[in-house]
Amino acid sequence: MTVVLEAEVLADPLEAFEALAAALSDSELGLEPHPAGRILDGEIVVWQPGRRLEAVIDESSSIAAVFEPHGDATRIVVELDAAAEAHER
């Protein structure tokens, strides 16, 4: 199953990236905000401030966030891929 969320924020891409990383590090996800950091039991595989953040959470789940300039704002697209079996419990 894939879930895609899109939002537009009034910030430049780097500010939006830093805000998302800070929110995730303060959440139950426990993001370690740096390249090769950890998130839950997984790890960050792409750390491109202002552009892209991607993590593999476990063998069947991953999350990616893409930051795109959009005028004076930034469009953020977050995609969560999770195996259907994990949700059938």
C-alpha atoms as a PDB file:
ATOM      1  CA  MET A   1       0.000   0.000   0.000  1.00  0.00           C
ATOM      2  CA  THR A   2       1.264   3.468  -0.855  1.00  0.00           C
ATOM      3  CA  VAL A   3       0.031   6.650   0.785  1.00  0.00           C
ATOM      4  CA  VAL A   4       0.900  10.021  -0.770  1.00  0.00           C
ATOM      5  CA  LEU A   5       0.413  13.332   1.010  1.00  0.00           C
ATOM      6  CA  GLU A   6       1.012  16.728  -0.567  1.00  0.00           C
ATOM      7  CA  ALA A   7       1.236  20.120   1.092  1.00  0.00           C
ATOM      8  CA  GLU A   8       2.360  23.597   0.204  1.00  0.00           C
ATOM      9  CA  VAL A   9       4.102  25.681   2.860  1.00  0.00           C
ATOM     10  CA  LEU A  10       5.167  29.317   2.888  1.00  0.00           C
ATOM     11  CA  ALA A  11       8.874  28.657   3.292  1.00  0.00           C
ATOM     12  CA  ASP A  12      11.813  28.008   1.043  1.00  0.00           C
ATOM     13  CA  PRO A  13      12.737  24.334   0.457  1.00  0.00           C
ATOM     14  CA  LEU A  14      15.615  24.325   2.965  1.00  0.00           C
ATOM     15  CA  GLU A  15      13.449  25.837   5.714  1.00  0.00           C
ATOM     16  CA  ALA A  16      10.683  23.314   4.956  1.00  0.00           C
ATOM     17  CA  PHE A  17      13.177  20.423   5.033  1.00  0.00           C
ATOM     18  CA  GLU A  18      14.634  21.567   8.354  1.00  0.00           C
ATOM     19  CA  ALA A  19      11.161  22.023   9.865  1.00  0.00           C
ATOM     20  CA  LEU A  20      10.062  18.520   8.812  1.00  0.00           C
ATOM     21  CA  ALA A  21      13.305  16.962  10.079  1.00  0.00           C
ATOM     22  CA  ALA A  22      12.903  18.764  13.432  1.00  0.00           C
ATOM     23  CA  ALA A  23       9.269  17.658  13.761  1.00  0.00           C
ATOM     24  CA  LEU A  24      10.172  14.036  12.988  1.00  0.00           C
ATOM     25  CA  SER A  25      13.072  14.063  15.443  1.00  0.00           C
ATOM     26  CA  ASP A  26      10.719  15.297  18.199  1.00  0.00           C
ATOM     27  CA  SER A  27       8.054  12.692  17.340  1.00  0.00           C
ATOM     28  CA  GLU A  28       7.614   9.021  18.180  1.00  0.00           C
ATOM     29  CA  LEU A  29       9.482   8.253  14.951  1.00  0.00           C
ATOM     30  CA  GLY A  30      12.702   9.375  16.616  1.00  0.00           C
ATOM     31  CA  LEU A  31      14.436  10.675  13.497  1.00  0.00           C
ATOM     32  CA  GLU A  32      18.155  11.298  13.965  1.00  0.00           C
ATOM     33  CA  PRO A  33      18.448  14.370  11.716  1.00  0.00           C
ATOM     34  CA  HIS A  34      21.637  13.737   9.753  1.00  0.00           C
ATOM     35  CA  PRO A  35      22.891  11.591   6.861  1.00  0.00           C
ATOM     36  CA  ALA A  36      22.932   7.889   7.808  1.00  0.00           C
ATOM     37  CA  GLY A  37      20.777   8.701  10.851  1.00  0.00           C
ATOM     38  CA  ARG A  38      18.123   6.393  12.209  1.00  0.00           C
ATOM     39  CA  ILE A  39      14.307   6.491  12.155  1.00  0.00           C
ATOM     40  CA  LEU A  40      12.377   3.924  14.192  1.00  0.00           C
ATOM     41  CA  ASP A  41      14.317   0.720  13.526  1.00  0.00           C
ATOM     42  CA  GLY A  42      15.332   1.839  10.036  1.00  0.00           C
ATOM     43  CA  GLU A  43      17.855   4.212   8.559  1.00  0.00           C
ATOM     44  CA  ILE A  44      18.035   7.341   6.458  1.00  0.00           C
ATOM     45  CA  VAL A  45      19.227   6.465   2.960  1.00  0.00           C
ATOM     46  CA  VAL A  46      18.917   9.880   1.266  1.00  0.00           C
ATOM     47  CA  TRP A  47      19.644  13.171   3.049  1.00  0.00           C
ATOM     48  CA  GLN A  48      19.598  16.114   0.640  1.00  0.00           C
ATOM     49  CA  PRO A  49      18.632  19.223   2.648  1.00  0.00           C
ATOM     50  CA  GLY A  50      16.074  21.286   0.795  1.00  0.00           C
ATOM     51  CA  ARG A  51      15.514  18.568  -1.805  1.00  0.00           C
ATOM     52  CA  ARG A  52      14.823  15.045  -0.541  1.00  0.00           C
ATOM     53  CA  LEU A  53      14.672  12.922   2.605  1.00  0.00           C
ATOM     54  CA  GLU A  54      14.239   9.160   2.309  1.00  0.00           C
ATOM     55  CA  ALA A  55      14.331   6.401   4.897  1.00  0.00           C
ATOM     56  CA  VAL A  56      13.911   2.646   4.938  1.00  0.00           C
ATOM     57  CA  ILE A  57      11.904   1.826   8.048  1.00  0.00           C
ATOM     58  CA  ASP A  58      12.020  -1.969   7.801  1.00  0.00           C
ATOM     59  CA  GLU A  59      12.152  -4.683   5.139  1.00  0.00           C
ATOM     60  CA  SER A  60       8.754  -3.718   3.746  1.00  0.00           C
ATOM     61  CA  SER A  61       8.304  -0.019   4.563  1.00  0.00           C
ATOM     62  CA  SER A  62       9.899   3.202   3.408  1.00  0.00           C
ATOM     63  CA  ILE A  63       9.134   6.901   3.488  1.00  0.00           C
ATOM     64  CA  ALA A  64      10.292   9.675   1.185  1.00  0.00           C
ATOM     65  CA  ALA A  65       9.734  13.423   1.215  1.00  0.00           C
ATOM     66  CA  VAL A  66      10.465  15.622  -1.808  1.00  0.00           C
ATOM     67  CA  PHE A  67      10.686  19.422  -1.531  1.00  0.00           C
ATOM     68  CA  GLU A  68       9.967  21.446  -4.684  1.00  0.00           C
ATOM     69  CA  PRO A  69      10.111  25.246  -4.989  1.00  0.00           C
ATOM     70  CA  HIS A  70       6.712  26.625  -5.988  1.00  0.00           C
ATOM     71  CA  GLY A  71       6.791  30.422  -6.325  1.00  0.00           C
ATOM     72  CA  ASP A  72       7.340  31.872  -2.836  1.00  0.00           C
ATOM     73  CA  ALA A  73       6.408  28.543  -1.267  1.00  0.00           C
ATOM     74  CA  THR A  74       7.531  24.920  -1.237  1.00  0.00           C
ATOM     75  CA  ARG A  75       5.497  21.939  -2.335  1.00  0.00           C
ATOM     76  CA  ILE A  76       6.192  18.889  -0.162  1.00  0.00           C
ATOM     77  CA  VAL A  77       5.252  15.415  -1.353  1.00  0.00           C
ATOM     78  CA  VAL A  78       5.516  12.643   1.247  1.00  0.00           C
ATOM     79  CA  GLU A  79       5.171   9.037   0.093  1.00  0.00           C
ATOM     80  CA  LEU A  80       4.877   6.109   2.489  1.00  0.00           C
ATOM     81  CA  ASP A  81       5.244   2.626   1.044  1.00  0.00           C
ATOM     82  CA  ALA A  82       4.216  -0.207   3.337  1.00  0.00           C
ATOM     83  CA  ALA A  83       3.526  -3.849   2.648  1.00  0.00           C
ATOM     84  CA  ALA A  84      -0.156  -4.756   2.781  1.00  0.00           C
ATOM     85  CA  GLU A  85       0.540  -7.746   5.057  1.00  0.00           C
ATOM     86  CA  ALA A  86       1.761  -5.404   7.802  1.00  0.00           C
ATOM     87  CA  HIS A  87      -1.689  -3.761   7.895  1.00  0.00           C
ATOM     88  CA  GLU A  88      -3.758  -6.946   7.841  1.00  0.00           C
ATOM     89  CA  ARG A  89      -3.092  -7.856  11.477  1.00  0.00           C
END
